[in-house]
Amino acid sequence: METSSSIQATKYVIESMLDTLSPEGLNAVEQFVRFVHDRQQNLPVAELRYPTKASPATSLKGWNNLLREGYDGDALTDTEAVADKV
């Protein structure tokens, strides 16, 4: 837990940084602060907006045949191969 002095120091640093921002930057900061504020007001920490749905490992078997034979899983090589075909 932060002490009162460390909170004040953090606020001071933030205020100093705000002084150097453009109007667009200040607008972005305001939107972010509103987002954080609303999230703290509306959602308990343990609550999830999009709860996780458990699925068995066997549900992954359908993914096995999606990739063609010879796929190595090398992103650079695969990207170059796609680019060569274009």
C-alpha atoms as a PDB file:
ATOM      1  CA  MET A   1       0.000   0.000   0.000  1.00  0.00           C
ATOM      2  CA  GLU A   2       1.312   3.411  -0.954  1.00  0.00           C
ATOM      3  CA  THR A   3       1.930   6.033   1.671  1.00  0.00           C
ATOM      4  CA  SER A   4       0.430   9.496   1.495  1.00  0.00           C
ATOM      5  CA  SER A   5       3.807  10.993   0.609  1.00  0.00           C
ATOM      6  CA  SER A   6       4.391   8.557  -2.270  1.00  0.00           C
ATOM      7  CA  ILE A   7       0.896   9.269  -3.600  1.00  0.00           C
ATOM      8  CA  GLN A   8       1.589  13.003  -3.482  1.00  0.00           C
ATOM      9  CA  ALA A   9       4.926  12.460  -5.229  1.00  0.00           C
ATOM     10  CA  THR A  10       3.210  10.452  -7.969  1.00  0.00           C
ATOM     11  CA  LYS A  11       0.592  13.170  -8.436  1.00  0.00           C
ATOM     12  CA  TYR A  12       3.346  15.775  -8.705  1.00  0.00           C
ATOM     13  CA  VAL A  13       5.158  13.776 -11.391  1.00  0.00           C
ATOM     14  CA  ILE A  14       1.926  13.335 -13.342  1.00  0.00           C
ATOM     15  CA  GLU A  15       1.083  17.043 -13.089  1.00  0.00           C
ATOM     16  CA  SER A  16       4.575  17.953 -14.302  1.00  0.00           C
ATOM     17  CA  MET A  17       4.188  15.657 -17.289  1.00  0.00           C
ATOM     18  CA  LEU A  18       0.746  17.065 -18.096  1.00  0.00           C
ATOM     19  CA  ASP A  19       2.246  20.537 -18.420  1.00  0.00           C
ATOM     20  CA  THR A  20       4.279  19.370 -21.445  1.00  0.00           C
ATOM     21  CA  LEU A  21       1.449  17.674 -23.369  1.00  0.00           C
ATOM     22  CA  SER A  22      -0.322  19.012 -26.427  1.00  0.00           C
ATOM     23  CA  PRO A  23      -4.107  19.518 -26.313  1.00  0.00           C
ATOM     24  CA  GLU A  24      -4.513  16.179 -28.128  1.00  0.00           C
ATOM     25  CA  GLY A  25      -2.302  14.481 -25.565  1.00  0.00           C
ATOM     26  CA  LEU A  26      -4.308  15.984 -22.712  1.00  0.00           C
ATOM     27  CA  ASN A  27      -7.502  14.717 -24.330  1.00  0.00           C
ATOM     28  CA  ALA A  28      -6.059  11.197 -24.527  1.00  0.00           C
ATOM     29  CA  VAL A  29      -4.995  11.361 -20.868  1.00  0.00           C
ATOM     30  CA  GLU A  30      -8.469  12.535 -19.856  1.00  0.00           C
ATOM     31  CA  GLN A  31     -10.082   9.637 -21.712  1.00  0.00           C
ATOM     32  CA  PHE A  32      -7.726   7.160 -20.064  1.00  0.00           C
ATOM     33  CA  VAL A  33      -8.291   8.578 -16.578  1.00  0.00           C
ATOM     34  CA  ARG A  34     -12.070   8.444 -17.143  1.00  0.00           C
ATOM     35  CA  PHE A  35     -11.712   4.801 -18.217  1.00  0.00           C
ATOM     36  CA  VAL A  36      -9.716   3.891 -15.089  1.00  0.00           C
ATOM     37  CA  HIS A  37     -12.082   5.858 -12.857  1.00  0.00           C
ATOM     38  CA  ASP A  38     -15.196   4.244 -14.357  1.00  0.00           C
ATOM     39  CA  ARG A  39     -13.638   0.798 -14.098  1.00  0.00           C
ATOM     40  CA  GLN A  40     -12.874   1.294 -10.393  1.00  0.00           C
ATOM     41  CA  GLN A  41     -16.387   2.600  -9.753  1.00  0.00           C
ATOM     42  CA  ASN A  42     -18.291  -0.076 -11.652  1.00  0.00           C
ATOM     43  CA  LEU A  43     -16.343  -3.313 -11.468  1.00  0.00           C
ATOM     44  CA  PRO A  44     -15.118  -5.169  -8.422  1.00  0.00           C
ATOM     45  CA  VAL A  45     -11.615  -6.518  -8.990  1.00  0.00           C
ATOM     46  CA  ALA A  46     -12.759 -10.152  -9.125  1.00  0.00           C
ATOM     47  CA  GLU A  47     -15.541  -9.516 -11.664  1.00  0.00           C
ATOM     48  CA  LEU A  48     -14.817 -10.209 -15.324  1.00  0.00           C
ATOM     49  CA  ARG A  49     -16.588  -8.594 -18.269  1.00  0.00           C
ATOM     50  CA  TYR A  50     -15.941 -11.586 -20.481  1.00  0.00           C
ATOM     51  CA  PRO A  51     -15.820 -14.675 -18.295  1.00  0.00           C
ATOM     52  CA  THR A  52     -13.646 -17.555 -19.376  1.00  0.00           C
ATOM     53  CA  LYS A  53     -15.425 -20.617 -20.703  1.00  0.00           C
ATOM     54  CA  ALA A  54     -13.702 -23.906 -19.949  1.00  0.00           C
ATOM     55  CA  SER A  55     -13.291 -26.300 -22.876  1.00  0.00           C
ATOM     56  CA  PRO A  56     -11.771 -29.761 -22.944  1.00  0.00           C
ATOM     57  CA  ALA A  57      -8.395 -30.237 -24.633  1.00  0.00           C
ATOM     58  CA  THR A  58     -10.062 -32.540 -27.175  1.00  0.00           C
ATOM     59  CA  SER A  59     -11.786 -29.473 -28.647  1.00  0.00           C
ATOM     60  CA  LEU A  60      -8.414 -28.563 -30.229  1.00  0.00           C
ATOM     61  CA  LYS A  61      -8.356 -31.661 -32.448  1.00  0.00           C
ATOM     62  CA  GLY A  62     -10.371 -29.862 -35.111  1.00  0.00           C
ATOM     63  CA  TRP A  63      -7.515 -27.403 -35.605  1.00  0.00           C
ATOM     64  CA  ASN A  64      -5.072 -30.125 -36.723  1.00  0.00           C
ATOM     65  CA  ASN A  65      -6.174 -30.193 -40.352  1.00  0.00           C
ATOM     66  CA  LEU A  66      -6.425 -26.440 -40.921  1.00  0.00           C
ATOM     67  CA  LEU A  67      -2.826 -26.046 -42.085  1.00  0.00           C
ATOM     68  CA  ARG A  68      -1.479 -27.566 -45.277  1.00  0.00           C
ATOM     69  CA  GLU A  69       1.254 -30.197 -45.269  1.00  0.00           C
ATOM     70  CA  GLY A  70       4.759 -28.811 -45.035  1.00  0.00           C
ATOM     71  CA  TYR A  71       3.885 -25.912 -42.794  1.00  0.00           C
ATOM     72  CA  ASP A  72       6.921 -25.358 -40.590  1.00  0.00           C
ATOM     73  CA  GLY A  73       5.539 -22.703 -38.268  1.00  0.00           C
ATOM     74  CA  ASP A  74       8.249 -20.215 -39.238  1.00  0.00           C
ATOM     75  CA  ALA A  75       6.407 -16.889 -39.500  1.00  0.00           C
ATOM     76  CA  LEU A  76       9.095 -15.169 -41.578  1.00  0.00           C
ATOM     77  CA  THR A  77       9.367 -17.990 -44.104  1.00  0.00           C
ATOM     78  CA  ASP A  78       5.603 -18.327 -44.366  1.00  0.00           C
ATOM     79  CA  THR A  79       5.127 -14.575 -44.830  1.00  0.00           C
ATOM     80  CA  GLU A  80       7.738 -14.510 -47.575  1.00  0.00           C
ATOM     81  CA  ALA A  81       6.053 -17.457 -49.289  1.00  0.00           C
ATOM     82  CA  VAL A  82       2.724 -15.635 -49.280  1.00  0.00           C
ATOM     83  CA  ALA A  83       4.386 -12.442 -50.562  1.00  0.00           C
ATOM     84  CA  ASP A  84       6.080 -14.382 -53.388  1.00  0.00           C
ATOM     85  CA  LYS A  85       2.683 -15.613 -54.605  1.00  0.00           C
ATOM     86  CA  VAL A  86       1.239 -12.100 -54.807  1.00  0.00           C
END
